[in-house]
């Protein structure tokens, strides 16, 4: 009587562990692409923070970091992209570096282009 119960308990734990690992791998933040300014003072990251479930939108974070020698500062923008439940890739964004800001265009199959302007971090040391 104890052997079947022990086998069922161990099997259930193994299945739960496999499901938990799979869920983590699907929902963990994923770096999609990076871009650096021409002068290498700033770095922009495109990160998927939550993948879609059944044709939903993907949650993303756009992160701008300054590459200061003494201090690094960063700005984050959180938004979503409607891409018909598909995984995001480098084709879902376009970056234009300007004199005082960076323009990020986010594109998805089920939405119009979303333009986000992030002004550079002014650091005076």
C-alpha atoms as a PDB file:
ATOM      1  CA  UNK A   1       0.000   0.000   0.000  1.00  0.00           C
ATOM      2  CA  UNK A   2       2.860   2.386   0.746  1.00  0.00           C
ATOM      3  CA  UNK A   3       4.695   1.767  -2.556  1.00  0.00           C
ATOM      4  CA  UNK A   4       1.897   3.041  -4.861  1.00  0.00           C
ATOM      5  CA  UNK A   5       1.375   6.117  -2.672  1.00  0.00           C
ATOM      6  CA  UNK A   6       5.102   6.864  -2.674  1.00  0.00           C
ATOM      7  CA  UNK A   7       5.281   6.418  -6.474  1.00  0.00           C
ATOM      8  CA  UNK A   8       2.283   8.722  -7.031  1.00  0.00           C
ATOM      9  CA  UNK A   9       3.735  11.367  -4.693  1.00  0.00           C
ATOM     10  CA  UNK A  10       7.143  11.354  -6.390  1.00  0.00           C
ATOM     11  CA  UNK A  11       5.545  11.415  -9.852  1.00  0.00           C
ATOM     12  CA  UNK A  12       3.363  14.381  -8.879  1.00  0.00           C
ATOM     13  CA  UNK A  13       6.384  16.281  -7.528  1.00  0.00           C
ATOM     14  CA  UNK A  14       8.395  15.626 -10.709  1.00  0.00           C
ATOM     15  CA  UNK A  15       5.501  16.796 -12.908  1.00  0.00           C
ATOM     16  CA  UNK A  16       5.044  19.940 -10.786  1.00  0.00           C
ATOM     17  CA  UNK A  17       8.781  20.696 -10.976  1.00  0.00           C
ATOM     18  CA  UNK A  18       8.769  20.331 -14.772  1.00  0.00           C
ATOM     19  CA  UNK A  19       5.712  22.603 -15.057  1.00  0.00           C
ATOM     20  CA  UNK A  20       7.273  25.211 -12.755  1.00  0.00           C
ATOM     21  CA  UNK A  21      10.526  25.263 -14.753  1.00  0.00           C
ATOM     22  CA  UNK A  22       8.579  25.538 -18.020  1.00  0.00           C
ATOM     23  CA  UNK A  23       6.464  28.396 -16.656  1.00  0.00           C
ATOM     24  CA  UNK A  24       9.592  30.229 -15.520  1.00  0.00           C
ATOM     25  CA  UNK A  25      11.264  29.826 -18.916  1.00  0.00           C
ATOM     26  CA  UNK A  26       8.201  31.221 -20.697  1.00  0.00           C
ATOM     27  CA  UNK A  27       7.544  34.167 -18.370  1.00  0.00           C
ATOM     28  CA  UNK A  28      11.046  35.373 -17.467  1.00  0.00           C
ATOM     29  CA  UNK A  29      12.214  38.731 -18.867  1.00  0.00           C
ATOM     30  CA  UNK A  30      13.943  38.306 -22.240  1.00  0.00           C
ATOM     31  CA  UNK A  31      16.359  40.750 -23.868  1.00  0.00           C
ATOM     32  CA  UNK A  32      15.254  41.141 -27.484  1.00  0.00           C
ATOM     33  CA  UNK A  33      17.685  43.748 -28.813  1.00  0.00           C
ATOM     34  CA  UNK A  34      20.096  46.526 -27.842  1.00  0.00           C
ATOM     35  CA  UNK A  35      21.241  49.714 -29.537  1.00  0.00           C
ATOM     36  CA  UNK A  36      23.970  52.219 -28.646  1.00  0.00           C
ATOM     37  CA  UNK A  37      24.227  55.889 -29.519  1.00  0.00           C
ATOM     38  CA  UNK A  38      26.901  56.894 -32.029  1.00  0.00           C
ATOM     39  CA  UNK A  39      29.061  58.439 -29.301  1.00  0.00           C
ATOM     40  CA  UNK A  40      28.515  55.351 -27.073  1.00  0.00           C
ATOM     41  CA  UNK A  41      27.247  57.527 -24.211  1.00  0.00           C
ATOM     42  CA  UNK A  42      23.863  55.787 -24.118  1.00  0.00           C
ATOM     43  CA  UNK A  43      22.608  52.233 -24.467  1.00  0.00           C
ATOM     44  CA  UNK A  44      18.992  51.320 -25.223  1.00  0.00           C
ATOM     45  CA  UNK A  45      17.557  47.878 -24.381  1.00  0.00           C
ATOM     46  CA  UNK A  46      14.330  46.281 -25.657  1.00  0.00           C
ATOM     47  CA  UNK A  47      13.137  43.711 -23.092  1.00  0.00           C
ATOM     48  CA  UNK A  48      10.047  41.481 -23.155  1.00  0.00           C
ATOM     49  CA  UNK A  49       8.898  41.308 -19.529  1.00  0.00           C
ATOM     50  CA  UNK A  50       5.812  39.115 -20.017  1.00  0.00           C
ATOM     51  CA  UNK A  51       5.030  36.922 -23.006  1.00  0.00           C
ATOM     52  CA  UNK A  52       1.479  36.648 -24.362  1.00  0.00           C
ATOM     53  CA  UNK A  53      -0.977  33.936 -23.420  1.00  0.00           C
ATOM     54  CA  UNK A  54      -3.323  32.887 -26.210  1.00  0.00           C
ATOM     55  CA  UNK A  55      -3.010  35.782 -28.666  1.00  0.00           C
ATOM     56  CA  UNK A  56      -2.608  38.492 -26.044  1.00  0.00           C
ATOM     57  CA  UNK A  57      -0.266  41.453 -25.934  1.00  0.00           C
ATOM     58  CA  UNK A  58       3.379  41.242 -24.893  1.00  0.00           C
ATOM     59  CA  UNK A  59       4.533  43.455 -22.047  1.00  0.00           C
ATOM     60  CA  UNK A  60       7.814  45.206 -22.851  1.00  0.00           C
ATOM     61  CA  UNK A  61      10.298  47.524 -21.181  1.00  0.00           C
ATOM     62  CA  UNK A  62      12.435  50.081 -23.021  1.00  0.00           C
ATOM     63  CA  UNK A  63      15.468  50.940 -20.906  1.00  0.00           C
ATOM     64  CA  UNK A  64      17.870  53.822 -21.594  1.00  0.00           C
ATOM     65  CA  UNK A  65      21.160  53.772 -19.682  1.00  0.00           C
ATOM     66  CA  UNK A  66      23.876  56.388 -19.615  1.00  0.00           C
ATOM     67  CA  UNK A  67      27.408  55.042 -19.750  1.00  0.00           C
ATOM     68  CA  UNK A  68      28.854  57.517 -17.273  1.00  0.00           C
ATOM     69  CA  UNK A  69      32.285  56.758 -15.871  1.00  0.00           C
ATOM     70  CA  UNK A  70      31.468  57.889 -12.368  1.00  0.00           C
ATOM     71  CA  UNK A  71      27.766  57.110 -12.247  1.00  0.00           C
ATOM     72  CA  UNK A  72      25.298  55.240 -14.433  1.00  0.00           C
ATOM     73  CA  UNK A  73      21.712  56.462 -14.610  1.00  0.00           C
ATOM     74  CA  UNK A  74      18.772  54.862 -16.355  1.00  0.00           C
ATOM     75  CA  UNK A  75      15.220  55.505 -17.479  1.00  0.00           C
ATOM     76  CA  UNK A  76      12.538  52.873 -18.086  1.00  0.00           C
ATOM     77  CA  UNK A  77       9.333  52.930 -20.121  1.00  0.00           C
ATOM     78  CA  UNK A  78       6.860  50.054 -19.673  1.00  0.00           C
ATOM     79  CA  UNK A  79       4.270  49.417 -22.385  1.00  0.00           C
ATOM     80  CA  UNK A  80       2.741  46.590 -24.421  1.00  0.00           C
ATOM     81  CA  UNK A  81       2.828  45.432 -28.042  1.00  0.00           C
ATOM     82  CA  UNK A  82      -0.122  43.688 -29.725  1.00  0.00           C
ATOM     83  CA  UNK A  83       1.604  41.170 -31.992  1.00  0.00           C
ATOM     84  CA  UNK A  84      -1.084  38.467 -32.398  1.00  0.00           C
ATOM     85  CA  UNK A  85       0.404  36.347 -29.611  1.00  0.00           C
ATOM     86  CA  UNK A  86       3.700  35.853 -31.454  1.00  0.00           C
ATOM     87  CA  UNK A  87       7.099  36.176 -29.839  1.00  0.00           C
ATOM     88  CA  UNK A  88       8.739  39.555 -30.315  1.00  0.00           C
ATOM     89  CA  UNK A  89      12.004  40.024 -32.195  1.00  0.00           C
ATOM     90  CA  UNK A  90      14.186  42.839 -33.560  1.00  0.00           C
ATOM     91  CA  UNK A  91      11.634  43.629 -36.286  1.00  0.00           C
ATOM     92  CA  UNK A  92       9.205  44.916 -33.645  1.00  0.00           C
ATOM     93  CA  UNK A  93      11.229  48.053 -32.935  1.00  0.00           C
ATOM     94  CA  UNK A  94      13.146  50.773 -34.737  1.00  0.00           C
ATOM     95  CA  UNK A  95      15.560  53.210 -33.082  1.00  0.00           C
ATOM     96  CA  UNK A  96      16.467  56.726 -34.257  1.00  0.00           C
ATOM     97  CA  UNK A  97      19.141  58.531 -32.240  1.00  0.00           C
ATOM     98  CA  UNK A  98      18.623  62.316 -32.196  1.00  0.00           C
ATOM     99  CA  UNK A  99      20.641  65.216 -30.775  1.00  0.00           C
ATOM    100  CA  UNK A 100      18.791  65.460 -27.440  1.00  0.00           C
ATOM    101  CA  UNK A 101      16.638  62.310 -27.374  1.00  0.00           C
ATOM    102  CA  UNK A 102      16.095  58.872 -28.856  1.00  0.00           C
ATOM    103  CA  UNK A 103      12.944  57.887 -30.742  1.00  0.00           C
ATOM    104  CA  UNK A 104      11.791  54.305 -30.376  1.00  0.00           C
ATOM    105  CA  UNK A 105       9.085  53.038 -32.720  1.00  0.00           C
ATOM    106  CA  UNK A 106       7.284  49.914 -31.502  1.00  0.00           C
ATOM    107  CA  UNK A 107       5.474  47.874 -34.147  1.00  0.00           C
ATOM    108  CA  UNK A 108       3.024  44.991 -33.817  1.00  0.00           C
ATOM    109  CA  UNK A 109       0.761  43.111 -36.208  1.00  0.00           C
ATOM    110  CA  UNK A 110      -2.413  44.250 -34.428  1.00  0.00           C
ATOM    111  CA  UNK A 111      -1.532  47.861 -33.654  1.00  0.00           C
ATOM    112  CA  UNK A 112      -0.349  51.036 -35.272  1.00  0.00           C
ATOM    113  CA  UNK A 113       3.220  52.180 -34.780  1.00  0.00           C
ATOM    114  CA  UNK A 114       3.805  53.633 -31.306  1.00  0.00           C
ATOM    115  CA  UNK A 115       6.521  56.301 -31.137  1.00  0.00           C
ATOM    116  CA  UNK A 116       8.196  56.847 -27.776  1.00  0.00           C
ATOM    117  CA  UNK A 117      10.629  59.715 -27.177  1.00  0.00           C
ATOM    118  CA  UNK A 118      13.118  59.390 -24.353  1.00  0.00           C
ATOM    119  CA  UNK A 119      15.221  62.453 -23.600  1.00  0.00           C
ATOM    120  CA  UNK A 120      18.834  61.893 -22.652  1.00  0.00           C
ATOM    121  CA  UNK A 121      19.889  61.935 -19.047  1.00  0.00           C
ATOM    122  CA  UNK A 122      21.879  65.099 -18.370  1.00  0.00           C
ATOM    123  CA  UNK A 123      24.698  64.274 -15.994  1.00  0.00           C
ATOM    124  CA  UNK A 124      26.978  67.001 -14.706  1.00  0.00           C
ATOM    125  CA  UNK A 125      29.994  65.724 -12.813  1.00  0.00           C
END
